[in-house]
């Protein structure tokens, strides 16, 4: 099997750092993280990742200087800057000090992942073929938005795929309905916890041998749901 690409995320905001890391992990990348300029420089120079996602504002310095330092040290892999600054002058400066791309916050994770893939494809080569993840009796390929069972492609909605992605990311853990509402539906006031139950029922029909007696996506009474390890 081809080794996965390694991506380093240098971001001081813990929630954003972990969110990016989790999404990259599900996409099949090996992910390293750092919360400061010093830590990011040390990890980049010791691990030589295939790509760096670099926050512009760090607690002990700025991403511009770190980008310049990495390029001066011989690091030639893609660097994508993440920043709240959207002015043209900032973008130009980032590119001049060696960044390959520039993403302005707030950004969609779909856009960020697309930019990661594009930069790796251009500078490193074609991505390794993704391996579908087993979920019960089905296989899910998040990159291609495909759910298959016995070779047949199943009809699955975007929200079902988001729910399944979160459960896979937290496989083996009990996840409450409130957490699922917050993470998958954004805690919108018009969405009731019963909605979670309905979507779980839909997924069970696709992944369980007997949806009435679930063996993979189980209910933990009084708490929530758990996708068991396989």
Foldseek 3Di string as FASTA:
>chain_A
DDQAFEEEEAAQPVVVQVVLVLVVVLLPHHYHYHNALVVSLVCCVVVVGQEYEAEQDGPVHGPLVSLLVCVVVPRQHAYEYEYQDDDPVVQVSSVVSPHPYYDHPPDDSVVVVVVVQVRCCVPPNHGDDDDFDAQAQWTANLVVRFIGHPRHTDDDDPLLSLLVSVQVSVAPDFAALVNCCCRRVVVDVVDDSVVVVVSLLVVLVRRAPDSVDRDAWDADPPGHTHGYDD
